[in-house]
Amino acid sequence: MTERIEFGSKAAADTFRDEHTDHLSSDDDRRLKTVAISSSAPNHAFETATVEASDSQACLLYTSLSGL
């Protein structure tokens, strides 16, 4: 089963894609900020994606709040 992880920005998602091309699902769509990871990917790929997605979402939230 494909795991989908949403990043805070498309740039962050694309950075993950570029660094982990071997672990992407064949239905991953680079137009989106949601990355589709193959079910055969090792656990560390899922962990890395989760951490990087969380970091990029937190950065986006901080940027939004700092403009208030």
PDB file of N, CA and C in Angstrom:
ATOM      1  N   MET A   1       0.845  -1.183   0.000  1.00  0.00           N
ATOM      2  CA  MET A   1       0.000   0.000   0.000  1.00  0.00           C
ATOM      3  C   MET A   1       0.887   1.243   0.000  1.00  0.00           C
ATOM      4  N   THR A   2       0.520   2.202  -0.787  1.00  0.00           N
ATOM      5  CA  THR A   2       1.271   3.447  -0.889  1.00  0.00           C
ATOM      6  C   THR A   2       0.963   4.337   0.308  1.00  0.00           C
ATOM      7  N   GLU A   3       2.010   4.900   0.881  1.00  0.00           N
ATOM      8  CA  GLU A   3       1.860   5.847   1.992  1.00  0.00           C
ATOM      9  C   GLU A   3       1.993   7.254   1.411  1.00  0.00           C
ATOM     10  N   ARG A   4       1.096   8.141   1.773  1.00  0.00           N
ATOM     11  CA  ARG A   4       1.139   9.523   1.281  1.00  0.00           C
ATOM     12  C   ARG A   4       1.416  10.460   2.453  1.00  0.00           C
ATOM     13  N   ILE A   5       2.402  11.316   2.250  1.00  0.00           N
ATOM     14  CA  ILE A   5       2.808  12.240   3.302  1.00  0.00           C
ATOM     15  C   ILE A   5       2.807  13.648   2.725  1.00  0.00           C
ATOM     16  N   GLU A   6       2.086  14.548   3.401  1.00  0.00           N
ATOM     17  CA  GLU A   6       1.966  15.927   2.925  1.00  0.00           C
ATOM     18  C   GLU A   6       3.029  16.809   3.565  1.00  0.00           C
ATOM     19  N   PHE A   7       3.742  17.527   2.729  1.00  0.00           N
ATOM     20  CA  PHE A   7       4.769  18.462   3.171  1.00  0.00           C
ATOM     21  C   PHE A   7       4.173  19.861   3.259  1.00  0.00           C
ATOM     22  N   GLY A   8       4.865  20.752   3.937  1.00  0.00           N
ATOM     23  CA  GLY A   8       4.393  22.119   4.100  1.00  0.00           C
ATOM     24  C   GLY A   8       4.507  22.949   2.841  1.00  0.00           C
ATOM     25  N   SER A   9       5.376  22.536   1.936  1.00  0.00           N
ATOM     26  CA  SER A   9       5.545  23.260   0.680  1.00  0.00           C
ATOM     27  C   SER A   9       5.930  22.274  -0.416  1.00  0.00           C
ATOM     28  N   LYS A  10       5.704  22.663  -1.636  1.00  0.00           N
ATOM     29  CA  LYS A  10       6.086  21.820  -2.761  1.00  0.00           C
ATOM     30  C   LYS A  10       7.602  21.717  -2.849  1.00  0.00           C
ATOM     31  N   ALA A  11       8.293  22.794  -2.513  1.00  0.00           N
ATOM     32  CA  ALA A  11       9.760  22.771  -2.548  1.00  0.00           C
ATOM     33  C   ALA A  11      10.315  21.727  -1.579  1.00  0.00           C
ATOM     34  N   ALA A  12       9.753  21.656  -0.384  1.00  0.00           N
ATOM     35  CA  ALA A  12      10.196  20.658   0.596  1.00  0.00           C
ATOM     36  C   ALA A  12       9.889  19.248   0.098  1.00  0.00           C
ATOM     37  N   ALA A  13       8.720  19.068  -0.505  1.00  0.00           N
ATOM     38  CA  ALA A  13       8.356  17.758  -1.055  1.00  0.00           C
ATOM     39  C   ALA A  13       9.314  17.362  -2.174  1.00  0.00           C
ATOM     40  N   ASP A  14       9.643  18.303  -3.050  1.00  0.00           N
ATOM     41  CA  ASP A  14      10.552  18.007  -4.157  1.00  0.00           C
ATOM     42  C   ASP A  14      11.965  17.698  -3.670  1.00  0.00           C
ATOM     43  N   THR A  15      12.396  18.361  -2.612  1.00  0.00           N
ATOM     44  CA  THR A  15      13.710  18.057  -2.038  1.00  0.00           C
ATOM     45  C   THR A  15      13.740  16.619  -1.545  1.00  0.00           C
ATOM     46  N   PHE A  16      12.683  16.211  -0.847  1.00  0.00           N
ATOM     47  CA  PHE A  16      12.607  14.816  -0.397  1.00  0.00           C
ATOM     48  C   PHE A  16      12.618  13.877  -1.599  1.00  0.00           C
ATOM     49  N   ARG A  17      11.838  14.194  -2.614  1.00  0.00           N
ATOM     50  CA  ARG A  17      11.784  13.347  -3.816  1.00  0.00           C
ATOM     51  C   ARG A  17      13.160  13.193  -4.450  1.00  0.00           C
ATOM     52  N   ASP A  18      13.883  14.303  -4.565  1.00  0.00           N
ATOM     53  CA  ASP A  18      15.203  14.271  -5.190  1.00  0.00           C
ATOM     54  C   ASP A  18      16.193  13.422  -4.400  1.00  0.00           C
ATOM     55  N   GLU A  19      16.041  13.406  -3.083  1.00  0.00           N
ATOM     56  CA  GLU A  19      16.970  12.667  -2.228  1.00  0.00           C
ATOM     57  C   GLU A  19      16.563  11.206  -2.024  1.00  0.00           C
ATOM     58  N   HIS A  20      15.322  10.856  -2.358  1.00  0.00           N
ATOM     59  CA  HIS A  20      14.809   9.503  -2.083  1.00  0.00           C
ATOM     60  C   HIS A  20      14.055   8.934  -3.283  1.00  0.00           C
ATOM     61  N   THR A  21      14.587   9.117  -4.466  1.00  0.00           N
ATOM     62  CA  THR A  21      13.899   8.676  -5.682  1.00  0.00           C
ATOM     63  C   THR A  21      13.620   7.174  -5.693  1.00  0.00           C
ATOM     64  N   ASP A  22      14.485   6.388  -5.093  1.00  0.00           N
ATOM     65  CA  ASP A  22      14.315   4.928  -5.090  1.00  0.00           C
ATOM     66  C   ASP A  22      13.115   4.477  -4.266  1.00  0.00           C
ATOM     67  N   HIS A  23      12.601   5.345  -3.399  1.00  0.00           N
ATOM     68  CA  HIS A  23      11.538   4.953  -2.479  1.00  0.00           C
ATOM     69  C   HIS A  23      10.173   5.532  -2.846  1.00  0.00           C
ATOM     70  N   LEU A  24      10.096   6.226  -3.971  1.00  0.00           N
ATOM     71  CA  LEU A  24       8.821   6.821  -4.376  1.00  0.00           C
ATOM     72  C   LEU A  24       7.930   5.789  -5.055  1.00  0.00           C
ATOM     73  N   SER A  25       6.655   5.946  -4.870  1.00  0.00           N
ATOM     74  CA  SER A  25       5.682   5.099  -5.550  1.00  0.00           C
ATOM     75  C   SER A  25       5.591   5.534  -7.012  1.00  0.00           C
ATOM     76  N   SER A  26       5.216   4.614  -7.864  1.00  0.00           N
ATOM     77  CA  SER A  26       5.091   4.945  -9.287  1.00  0.00           C
ATOM     78  C   SER A  26       3.977   5.966  -9.545  1.00  0.00           C
ATOM     79  N   ASP A  27       3.061   6.124  -8.607  1.00  0.00           N
ATOM     80  CA  ASP A  27       1.984   7.105  -8.795  1.00  0.00           C
ATOM     81  C   ASP A  27       2.250   8.436  -8.092  1.00  0.00           C
ATOM     82  N   ASP A  28       3.496   8.669  -7.672  1.00  0.00           N
ATOM     83  CA  ASP A  28       3.849   9.966  -7.087  1.00  0.00           C
ATOM     84  C   ASP A  28       3.713  11.045  -8.160  1.00  0.00           C
ATOM     85  N   ASP A  29       3.217  12.195  -7.779  1.00  0.00           N
ATOM     86  CA  ASP A  29       2.962  13.292  -8.714  1.00  0.00           C
ATOM     87  C   ASP A  29       3.734  14.526  -8.253  1.00  0.00           C
ATOM     88  N   ARG A  30       4.757  14.901  -9.006  1.00  0.00           N
ATOM     89  CA  ARG A  30       5.617  16.028  -8.624  1.00  0.00           C
ATOM     90  C   ARG A  30       4.888  17.368  -8.646  1.00  0.00           C
ATOM     91  N   ARG A  31       3.692  17.410  -9.152  1.00  0.00           N
ATOM     92  CA  ARG A  31       2.928  18.663  -9.147  1.00  0.00           C
ATOM     93  C   ARG A  31       2.348  18.960  -7.770  1.00  0.00           C
ATOM     94  N   LEU A  32       2.364  17.954  -6.891  1.00  0.00           N
ATOM     95  CA  LEU A  32       1.728  18.079  -5.578  1.00  0.00           C
ATOM     96  C   LEU A  32       2.753  18.193  -4.459  1.00  0.00           C
ATOM     97  N   LYS A  33       2.304  18.698  -3.313  1.00  0.00           N
ATOM     98  CA  LYS A  33       3.181  18.726  -2.144  1.00  0.00           C
ATOM     99  C   LYS A  33       2.992  17.492  -1.272  1.00  0.00           C
ATOM    100  N   THR A  34       2.145  16.569  -1.724  1.00  0.00           N
ATOM    101  CA  THR A  34       1.974  15.280  -1.064  1.00  0.00           C
ATOM    102  C   THR A  34       2.817  14.251  -1.803  1.00  0.00           C
ATOM    103  N   VAL A  35       3.696  13.574  -1.072  1.00  0.00           N
ATOM    104  CA  VAL A  35       4.610  12.593  -1.654  1.00  0.00           C
ATOM    105  C   VAL A  35       4.041  11.195  -1.449  1.00  0.00           C
ATOM    106  N   ALA A  36       4.055  10.393  -2.507  1.00  0.00           N
ATOM    107  CA  ALA A  36       3.601   9.003  -2.442  1.00  0.00           C
ATOM    108  C   ALA A  36       4.829   8.103  -2.318  1.00  0.00           C
ATOM    109  N   ILE A  37       4.937   7.416  -1.185  1.00  0.00           N
ATOM    110  CA  ILE A  37       6.083   6.547  -0.914  1.00  0.00           C
ATOM    111  C   ILE A  37       5.662   5.099  -1.121  1.00  0.00           C
ATOM    112  N   SER A  38       6.511   4.350  -1.780  1.00  0.00           N
ATOM    113  CA  SER A  38       6.237   2.948  -2.076  1.00  0.00           C
ATOM    114  C   SER A  38       6.113   2.116  -0.804  1.00  0.00           C
ATOM    115  N   SER A  39       5.246   1.137  -0.843  1.00  0.00           N
ATOM    116  CA  SER A  39       5.071   0.252   0.317  1.00  0.00           C
ATOM    117  C   SER A  39       6.315  -0.593   0.569  1.00  0.00           C
ATOM    118  N   SER A  40       7.175  -0.729  -0.432  1.00  0.00           N
ATOM    119  CA  SER A  40       8.401  -1.510  -0.260  1.00  0.00           C
ATOM    120  C   SER A  40       9.567  -0.672   0.272  1.00  0.00           C
ATOM    121  N   ALA A  41       9.331   0.601   0.502  1.00  0.00           N
ATOM    122  CA  ALA A  41      10.390   1.480   1.023  1.00  0.00           C
ATOM    123  C   ALA A  41      10.760   1.060   2.447  1.00  0.00           C
ATOM    124  N   PRO A  42      12.037   1.212   2.801  1.00  0.00           N
ATOM    125  CA  PRO A  42      12.452   0.869   4.170  1.00  0.00           C
ATOM    126  C   PRO A  42      11.871   1.850   5.190  1.00  0.00           C
ATOM    127  N   ASN A  43      11.808   1.412   6.422  1.00  0.00           N
ATOM    128  CA  ASN A  43      11.239   2.244   7.493  1.00  0.00           C
ATOM    129  C   ASN A  43      11.909   3.603   7.597  1.00  0.00           C
ATOM    130  N   HIS A  44      13.220   3.653   7.376  1.00  0.00           N
ATOM    131  CA  HIS A  44      13.914   4.941   7.522  1.00  0.00           C
ATOM    132  C   HIS A  44      13.418   5.963   6.503  1.00  0.00           C
ATOM    133  N   ALA A  45      12.944   5.523   5.350  1.00  0.00           N
ATOM    134  CA  ALA A  45      12.405   6.454   4.352  1.00  0.00           C
ATOM    135  C   ALA A  45      11.103   7.078   4.858  1.00  0.00           C
ATOM    136  N   PHE A  46      10.254   6.256   5.482  1.00  0.00           N
ATOM    137  CA  PHE A  46       9.009   6.771   6.060  1.00  0.00           C
ATOM    138  C   PHE A  46       9.304   7.728   7.211  1.00  0.00           C
ATOM    139  N   GLU A  47      10.264   7.355   8.053  1.00  0.00           N
ATOM    140  CA  GLU A  47      10.620   8.200   9.200  1.00  0.00           C
ATOM    141  C   GLU A  47      11.177   9.537   8.733  1.00  0.00           C
ATOM    142  N   THR A  48      12.065   9.496   7.752  1.00  0.00           N
ATOM    143  CA  THR A  48      12.658  10.726   7.218  1.00  0.00           C
ATOM    144  C   THR A  48      11.581  11.618   6.608  1.00  0.00           C
ATOM    145  N   ALA A  49      10.684  11.026   5.838  1.00  0.00           N
ATOM    146  CA  ALA A  49       9.606  11.805   5.221  1.00  0.00           C
ATOM    147  C   ALA A  49       8.723  12.450   6.277  1.00  0.00           C
ATOM    148  N   THR A  50       8.405  11.708   7.314  1.00  0.00           N
ATOM    149  CA  THR A  50       7.548  12.233   8.375  1.00  0.00           C
ATOM    150  C   THR A  50       8.205  13.411   9.084  1.00  0.00           C
ATOM    151  N   VAL A  51       9.478  13.276   9.407  1.00  0.00           N
ATOM    152  CA  VAL A  51      10.205  14.349  10.094  1.00  0.00           C
ATOM    153  C   VAL A  51      10.331  15.574   9.190  1.00  0.00           C
ATOM    154  N   GLU A  52      10.743  15.367   7.944  1.00  0.00           N
ATOM    155  CA  GLU A  52      10.924  16.496   7.029  1.00  0.00           C
ATOM    156  C   GLU A  52       9.591  17.182   6.715  1.00  0.00           C
ATOM    157  N   ALA A  53       8.528  16.407   6.583  1.00  0.00           N
ATOM    158  CA  ALA A  53       7.205  16.996   6.334  1.00  0.00           C
ATOM    159  C   ALA A  53       6.761  17.824   7.532  1.00  0.00           C
ATOM    160  N   SER A  54       6.969  17.288   8.716  1.00  0.00           N
ATOM    161  CA  SER A  54       6.599  18.008   9.938  1.00  0.00           C
ATOM    162  C   SER A  54       7.391  19.304  10.066  1.00  0.00           C
ATOM    163  N   ASP A  55       8.688  19.233   9.789  1.00  0.00           N
ATOM    164  CA  ASP A  55       9.533  20.427   9.852  1.00  0.00           C
ATOM    165  C   ASP A  55       9.072  21.484   8.853  1.00  0.00           C
ATOM    166  N   SER A  56       8.731  21.057   7.643  1.00  0.00           N
ATOM    167  CA  SER A  56       8.327  22.030   6.627  1.00  0.00           C
ATOM    168  C   SER A  56       6.968  22.640   6.956  1.00  0.00           C
ATOM    169  N   GLN A  57       6.090  21.871   7.589  1.00  0.00           N
ATOM    170  CA  GLN A  57       4.794  22.414   8.005  1.00  0.00           C
ATOM    171  C   GLN A  57       4.965  23.394   9.160  1.00  0.00           C
ATOM    172  N   ALA A  58       5.866  23.079  10.089  1.00  0.00           N
ATOM    173  CA  ALA A  58       6.127  23.975  11.220  1.00  0.00           C
ATOM    174  C   ALA A  58       6.737  25.284  10.726  1.00  0.00           C
ATOM    175  N   CYS A  59       7.625  25.194   9.753  1.00  0.00           N
ATOM    176  CA  CYS A  59       8.254  26.388   9.189  1.00  0.00           C
ATOM    177  C   CYS A  59       7.201  27.260   8.514  1.00  0.00           C
ATOM    178  N   LEU A  60       6.290  26.637   7.805  1.00  0.00           N
ATOM    179  CA  LEU A  60       5.217  27.367   7.139  1.00  0.00           C
ATOM    180  C   LEU A  60       4.318  28.054   8.159  1.00  0.00           C
ATOM    181  N   LEU A  61       3.988  27.374   9.240  1.00  0.00           N
ATOM    182  CA  LEU A  61       3.154  27.944  10.297  1.00  0.00           C
ATOM    183  C   LEU A  61       3.860  29.126  10.950  1.00  0.00           C
ATOM    184  N   TYR A  62       5.151  28.986  11.254  1.00  0.00           N
ATOM    185  CA  TYR A  62       5.917  30.064  11.874  1.00  0.00           C
ATOM    186  C   TYR A  62       5.938  31.292  10.962  1.00  0.00           C
ATOM    187  N   THR A  63       6.165  31.063   9.674  1.00  0.00           N
ATOM    188  CA  THR A  63       6.207  32.168   8.718  1.00  0.00           C
ATOM    189  C   THR A  63       4.856  32.884   8.674  1.00  0.00           C
ATOM    190  N   SER A  64       3.779  32.120   8.709  1.00  0.00           N
ATOM    191  CA  SER A  64       2.438  32.715   8.688  1.00  0.00           C
ATOM    192  C   SER A  64       2.170  33.526   9.947  1.00  0.00           C
ATOM    193  N   LEU A  65       2.552  32.980  11.092  1.00  0.00           N
ATOM    194  CA  LEU A  65       2.296  33.660  12.360  1.00  0.00           C
ATOM    195  C   LEU A  65       3.180  34.886  12.556  1.00  0.00           C
ATOM    196  N   SER A  66       4.382  34.861  12.019  1.00  0.00           N
ATOM    197  CA  SER A  66       5.286  35.994  12.218  1.00  0.00           C
ATOM    198  C   SER A  66       4.826  37.224  11.438  1.00  0.00           C
ATOM    199  N   GLY A  67       3.937  37.026  10.476  1.00  0.00           N
ATOM    200  CA  GLY A  67       3.410  38.155   9.710  1.00  0.00           C
ATOM    201  C   GLY A  67       2.225  38.830  10.373  1.00  0.00           C
ATOM    202  N   LEU A  68       1.810  38.340  11.537  1.00  0.00           N
ATOM    203  CA  LEU A  68       0.649  38.923  12.221  1.00  0.00           C
ATOM    204  C   LEU A  68       0.986  40.205  12.925  1.00  0.00           C
TER     205      LEU A  68
END
